[in-house]
């Protein structure tokens, strides 16, 4: 999967705080297909969107 990283959030956010999910929801509200994935290597949550090639392939 090709994806562009929009933002990165440390996994150690305070309990009950979901900054990556909130950021992704705001991007989705603007029409961007943002999702949150976990990068285990860096212990961070990444907000990503598919690359243009991925979107075009899904629509075909």
PDB file of N, CA and C in Angstrom:
ATOM      1  N   UNK A   1       0.843  -1.185   0.000  1.00  0.00           N
ATOM      2  CA  UNK A   1       0.000   0.000   0.000  1.00  0.00           C
ATOM      3  C   UNK A   1       0.881   1.238   0.000  1.00  0.00           C
ATOM      4  N   UNK A   2       0.641   2.125  -0.937  1.00  0.00           N
ATOM      5  CA  UNK A   2       1.338   3.392  -0.939  1.00  0.00           C
ATOM      6  C   UNK A   2       0.500   4.410  -0.193  1.00  0.00           C
ATOM      7  N   UNK A   3       1.125   5.153   0.694  1.00  0.00           N
ATOM      8  CA  UNK A   3       0.382   6.142   1.464  1.00  0.00           C
ATOM      9  C   UNK A   3       1.265   7.339   1.757  1.00  0.00           C
ATOM     10  N   UNK A   4       0.620   8.480   1.874  1.00  0.00           N
ATOM     11  CA  UNK A   4       1.304   9.713   2.240  1.00  0.00           C
ATOM     12  C   UNK A   4       0.990   9.989   3.709  1.00  0.00           C
ATOM     13  N   UNK A   5       2.023  10.240   4.511  1.00  0.00           N
ATOM     14  CA  UNK A   5       1.839  10.547   5.929  1.00  0.00           C
ATOM     15  C   UNK A   5       1.524  12.028   6.064  1.00  0.00           C
ATOM     16  N   UNK A   6       0.365  12.334   6.654  1.00  0.00           N
ATOM     17  CA  UNK A   6      -0.021  13.721   6.880  1.00  0.00           C
ATOM     18  C   UNK A   6       0.516  14.241   8.201  1.00  0.00           C
ATOM     19  N   UNK A   7       0.482  13.400   9.225  1.00  0.00           N
ATOM     20  CA  UNK A   7       0.882  13.813  10.568  1.00  0.00           C
ATOM     21  C   UNK A   7       1.279  12.599  11.376  1.00  0.00           C
ATOM     22  N   UNK A   8       2.093  12.811  12.383  1.00  0.00           N
ATOM     23  CA  UNK A   8       2.582  11.734  13.256  1.00  0.00           C
ATOM     24  C   UNK A   8       2.349  12.155  14.702  1.00  0.00           C
ATOM     25  N   UNK A   9       1.842  11.226  15.511  1.00  0.00           N
ATOM     26  CA  UNK A   9       1.543  11.500  16.917  1.00  0.00           C
ATOM     27  C   UNK A   9       2.187  10.434  17.787  1.00  0.00           C
ATOM     28  N   UNK A  10       2.862  10.817  18.867  1.00  0.00           N
ATOM     29  CA  UNK A  10       3.451   9.822  19.762  1.00  0.00           C
ATOM     30  C   UNK A  10       2.362   8.948  20.385  1.00  0.00           C
ATOM     31  N   UNK A  11       2.687   7.692  20.612  1.00  0.00           N
ATOM     32  CA  UNK A  11       1.707   6.749  21.155  1.00  0.00           C
ATOM     33  C   UNK A  11       1.424   7.005  22.635  1.00  0.00           C
ATOM     34  N   UNK A  12       2.199   7.802  23.296  1.00  0.00           N
ATOM     35  CA  UNK A  12       2.046   8.019  24.735  1.00  0.00           C
ATOM     36  C   UNK A  12       1.107   9.145  25.111  1.00  0.00           C
ATOM     37  N   UNK A  13       0.047   9.362  24.364  1.00  0.00           N
ATOM     38  CA  UNK A  13      -0.912  10.417  24.708  1.00  0.00           C
ATOM     39  C   UNK A  13      -1.607  10.072  26.024  1.00  0.00           C
ATOM     40  N   UNK A  14      -2.062  11.080  26.756  1.00  0.00           N
ATOM     41  CA  UNK A  14      -2.759  10.812  28.022  1.00  0.00           C
ATOM     42  C   UNK A  14      -3.984   9.924  27.811  1.00  0.00           C
ATOM     43  N   UNK A  15      -4.317   9.132  28.810  1.00  0.00           N
ATOM     44  CA  UNK A  15      -5.474   8.239  28.727  1.00  0.00           C
ATOM     45  C   UNK A  15      -6.730   9.033  28.381  1.00  0.00           C
ATOM     46  N   UNK A  16      -7.483   8.518  27.420  1.00  0.00           N
ATOM     47  CA  UNK A  16      -8.713   9.175  26.981  1.00  0.00           C
ATOM     48  C   UNK A  16      -8.489  10.225  25.904  1.00  0.00           C
ATOM     49  N   UNK A  17      -7.242  10.453  25.536  1.00  0.00           N
ATOM     50  CA  UNK A  17      -6.914  11.421  24.500  1.00  0.00           C
ATOM     51  C   UNK A  17      -6.566  10.675  23.219  1.00  0.00           C
ATOM     52  N   UNK A  18      -7.173  11.057  22.115  1.00  0.00           N
ATOM     53  CA  UNK A  18      -6.960  10.399  20.833  1.00  0.00           C
ATOM     54  C   UNK A  18      -6.615  11.433  19.766  1.00  0.00           C
ATOM     55  N   UNK A  19      -5.485  12.112  19.871  1.00  0.00           N
ATOM     56  CA  UNK A  19      -5.184  13.187  18.921  1.00  0.00           C
ATOM     57  C   UNK A  19      -5.082  12.723  17.474  1.00  0.00           C
ATOM     58  N   UNK A  20      -4.549  11.547  17.216  1.00  0.00           N
ATOM     59  CA  UNK A  20      -4.444  11.064  15.833  1.00  0.00           C
ATOM     60  C   UNK A  20      -5.827  10.822  15.245  1.00  0.00           C
ATOM     61  N   UNK A  21      -6.718  10.209  16.023  1.00  0.00           N
ATOM     62  CA  UNK A  21      -8.083   9.955  15.549  1.00  0.00           C
ATOM     63  C   UNK A  21      -8.834  11.264  15.309  1.00  0.00           C
ATOM     64  N   UNK A  22      -8.630  12.238  16.194  1.00  0.00           N
ATOM     65  CA  UNK A  22      -9.294  13.527  16.033  1.00  0.00           C
ATOM     66  C   UNK A  22      -8.785  14.243  14.781  1.00  0.00           C
ATOM     67  N   UNK A  23      -7.484  14.186  14.544  1.00  0.00           N
ATOM     68  CA  UNK A  23      -6.899  14.809  13.361  1.00  0.00           C
ATOM     69  C   UNK A  23      -7.416  14.134  12.090  1.00  0.00           C
ATOM     70  N   UNK A  24      -7.463  12.809  12.092  1.00  0.00           N
ATOM     71  CA  UNK A  24      -7.958  12.073  10.921  1.00  0.00           C
ATOM     72  C   UNK A  24      -9.435  12.390  10.672  1.00  0.00           C
ATOM     73  N   UNK A  25     -10.228  12.486  11.734  1.00  0.00           N
ATOM     74  CA  UNK A  25     -11.649  12.808  11.575  1.00  0.00           C
ATOM     75  C   UNK A  25     -11.829  14.196  10.955  1.00  0.00           C
ATOM     76  N   UNK A  26     -10.989  15.136  11.363  1.00  0.00           N
ATOM     77  CA  UNK A  26     -11.067  16.486  10.791  1.00  0.00           C
ATOM     78  C   UNK A  26     -10.702  16.465   9.305  1.00  0.00           C
ATOM     79  N   UNK A  27      -9.709  15.659   8.932  1.00  0.00           N
ATOM     80  CA  UNK A  27      -9.329  15.557   7.515  1.00  0.00           C
ATOM     81  C   UNK A  27     -10.453  14.899   6.719  1.00  0.00           C
ATOM     82  N   UNK A  28     -11.098  13.852   7.293  1.00  0.00           N
ATOM     83  CA  UNK A  28     -12.215  13.206   6.603  1.00  0.00           C
ATOM     84  C   UNK A  28     -13.376  14.171   6.414  1.00  0.00           C
ATOM     85  N   UNK A  29     -13.606  15.036   7.402  1.00  0.00           N
ATOM     86  CA  UNK A  29     -14.675  16.031   7.292  1.00  0.00           C
ATOM     87  C   UNK A  29     -14.395  17.009   6.158  1.00  0.00           C
ATOM     88  N   UNK A  30     -13.116  17.177   5.809  1.00  0.00           N
ATOM     89  CA  UNK A  30     -12.717  18.037   4.689  1.00  0.00           C
ATOM     90  C   UNK A  30     -12.693  17.276   3.366  1.00  0.00           C
ATOM     91  N   UNK A  31     -13.046  15.983   3.395  1.00  0.00           N
ATOM     92  CA  UNK A  31     -13.127  15.198   2.168  1.00  0.00           C
ATOM     93  C   UNK A  31     -11.897  14.369   1.855  1.00  0.00           C
ATOM     94  N   UNK A  32     -10.919  14.343   2.754  1.00  0.00           N
ATOM     95  CA  UNK A  32      -9.711  13.536   2.535  1.00  0.00           C
ATOM     96  C   UNK A  32      -9.885  12.168   3.186  1.00  0.00           C
ATOM     97  N   UNK A  33      -9.546  11.080   2.502  1.00  0.00           N
ATOM     98  CA  UNK A  33      -9.756   9.734   3.057  1.00  0.00           C
ATOM     99  C   UNK A  33      -8.667   9.337   4.062  1.00  0.00           C
ATOM    100  N   UNK A  34      -8.563  10.070   5.148  1.00  0.00           N
ATOM    101  CA  UNK A  34      -7.505   9.844   6.136  1.00  0.00           C
ATOM    102  C   UNK A  34      -7.831   8.675   7.059  1.00  0.00           C
ATOM    103  N   UNK A  35      -6.807   7.895   7.370  1.00  0.00           N
ATOM    104  CA  UNK A  35      -6.928   6.808   8.338  1.00  0.00           C
ATOM    105  C   UNK A  35      -5.733   6.861   9.284  1.00  0.00           C
ATOM    106  N   UNK A  36      -5.863   6.165  10.398  1.00  0.00           N
ATOM    107  CA  UNK A  36      -4.791   6.114  11.390  1.00  0.00           C
ATOM    108  C   UNK A  36      -4.183   4.720  11.375  1.00  0.00           C
ATOM    109  N   UNK A  37      -2.863   4.666  11.344  1.00  0.00           N
ATOM    110  CA  UNK A  37      -2.137   3.399  11.427  1.00  0.00           C
ATOM    111  C   UNK A  37      -1.071   3.533  12.510  1.00  0.00           C
ATOM    112  N   UNK A  38      -0.662   2.401  13.052  1.00  0.00           N
ATOM    113  CA  UNK A  38       0.375   2.383  14.085  1.00  0.00           C
ATOM    114  C   UNK A  38       1.703   2.023  13.454  1.00  0.00           C
ATOM    115  N   UNK A  39       2.717   2.834  13.706  1.00  0.00           N
ATOM    116  CA  UNK A  39       4.078   2.527  13.290  1.00  0.00           C
ATOM    117  C   UNK A  39       4.793   1.961  14.507  1.00  0.00           C
ATOM    118  N   UNK A  40       4.899   0.645  14.560  1.00  0.00           N
ATOM    119  CA  UNK A  40       5.486  -0.007  15.734  1.00  0.00           C
ATOM    120  C   UNK A  40       6.951   0.355  15.920  1.00  0.00           C
ATOM    121  N   UNK A  41       7.658   0.543  14.823  1.00  0.00           N
ATOM    122  CA  UNK A  41       9.083   0.846  14.900  1.00  0.00           C
ATOM    123  C   UNK A  41       9.348   2.160  15.633  1.00  0.00           C
ATOM    124  N   UNK A  42       8.534   3.166  15.357  1.00  0.00           N
ATOM    125  CA  UNK A  42       8.742   4.468  16.007  1.00  0.00           C
ATOM    126  C   UNK A  42       7.791   4.705  17.180  1.00  0.00           C
ATOM    127  N   UNK A  43       6.921   3.741  17.477  1.00  0.00           N
ATOM    128  CA  UNK A  43       5.931   3.845  18.553  1.00  0.00           C
ATOM    129  C   UNK A  43       5.102   5.117  18.390  1.00  0.00           C
ATOM    130  N   UNK A  44       4.544   5.280  17.193  1.00  0.00           N
ATOM    131  CA  UNK A  44       3.750   6.464  16.896  1.00  0.00           C
ATOM    132  C   UNK A  44       2.545   6.085  16.042  1.00  0.00           C
ATOM    133  N   UNK A  45       1.507   6.912  16.150  1.00  0.00           N
ATOM    134  CA  UNK A  45       0.345   6.775  15.287  1.00  0.00           C
ATOM    135  C   UNK A  45       0.532   7.718  14.110  1.00  0.00           C
ATOM    136  N   UNK A  46       0.285   7.216  12.911  1.00  0.00           N
ATOM    137  CA  UNK A  46       0.425   8.011  11.699  1.00  0.00           C
ATOM    138  C   UNK A  46      -0.946   8.223  11.078  1.00  0.00           C
ATOM    139  N   UNK A  47      -1.211   9.440  10.661  1.00  0.00           N
ATOM    140  CA  UNK A  47      -2.426   9.731   9.903  1.00  0.00           C
ATOM    141  C   UNK A  47      -1.996   9.730   8.449  1.00  0.00           C
ATOM    142  N   UNK A  48      -2.588   8.830   7.664  1.00  0.00           N
ATOM    143  CA  UNK A  48      -2.172   8.641   6.280  1.00  0.00           C
ATOM    144  C   UNK A  48      -3.364   8.751   5.330  1.00  0.00           C
ATOM    145  N   UNK A  49      -3.038   9.082   4.089  1.00  0.00           N
ATOM    146  CA  UNK A  49      -4.013   9.051   3.002  1.00  0.00           C
ATOM    147  C   UNK A  49      -3.393   8.227   1.881  1.00  0.00           C
ATOM    148  N   UNK A  50      -4.215   7.497   1.118  1.00  0.00           N
ATOM    149  CA  UNK A  50      -3.664   6.715   0.011  1.00  0.00           C
ATOM    150  C   UNK A  50      -3.058   7.637  -1.038  1.00  0.00           C
ATOM    151  N   UNK A  51      -2.040   7.151  -1.729  1.00  0.00           N
ATOM    152  CA  UNK A  51      -1.450   7.927  -2.820  1.00  0.00           C
ATOM    153  C   UNK A  51      -2.442   7.987  -3.967  1.00  0.00           C
ATOM    154  N   UNK A  52      -2.225   8.907  -4.860  1.00  0.00           N
ATOM    155  CA  UNK A  52      -3.127   9.079  -6.016  1.00  0.00           C
ATOM    156  C   UNK A  52      -3.249   7.786  -6.814  1.00  0.00           C
ATOM    157  N   UNK A  53      -2.130   7.048  -6.960  1.00  0.00           N
ATOM    158  CA  UNK A  53      -2.150   5.782  -7.694  1.00  0.00           C
ATOM    159  C   UNK A  53      -3.068   4.768  -7.034  1.00  0.00           C
ATOM    160  N   UNK A  54      -3.047   4.714  -5.701  1.00  0.00           N
ATOM    161  CA  UNK A  54      -3.902   3.790  -4.949  1.00  0.00           C
ATOM    162  C   UNK A  54      -5.379   4.143  -5.152  1.00  0.00           C
ATOM    163  N   UNK A  55      -5.697   5.413  -5.119  1.00  0.00           N
ATOM    164  CA  UNK A  55      -7.094   5.846  -5.287  1.00  0.00           C
ATOM    165  C   UNK A  55      -7.584   5.505  -6.682  1.00  0.00           C
ATOM    166  N   UNK A  56      -6.758   5.776  -7.692  1.00  0.00           N
ATOM    167  CA  UNK A  56      -7.153   5.479  -9.067  1.00  0.00           C
ATOM    168  C   UNK A  56      -7.322   3.979  -9.290  1.00  0.00           C
ATOM    169  N   UNK A  57      -6.465   3.168  -8.688  1.00  0.00           N
ATOM    170  CA  UNK A  57      -6.576   1.712  -8.827  1.00  0.00           C
ATOM    171  C   UNK A  57      -7.851   1.198  -8.169  1.00  0.00           C
ATOM    172  N   UNK A  58      -8.234   1.773  -7.044  1.00  0.00           N
ATOM    173  CA  UNK A  58      -9.438   1.344  -6.346  1.00  0.00           C
ATOM    174  C   UNK A  58     -10.700   1.709  -7.123  1.00  0.00           C
ATOM    175  N   UNK A  59     -10.632   2.792  -7.870  1.00  0.00           N
ATOM    176  CA  UNK A  59     -11.791   3.233  -8.640  1.00  0.00           C
ATOM    177  C   UNK A  59     -11.955   2.477  -9.943  1.00  0.00           C
ATOM    178  N   UNK A  60     -10.909   1.813 -10.410  1.00  0.00           N
ATOM    179  CA  UNK A  60     -10.964   1.093 -11.692  1.00  0.00           C
ATOM    180  C   UNK A  60     -11.699  -0.218 -11.596  1.00  0.00           C
TER     181      UNK A  60
END
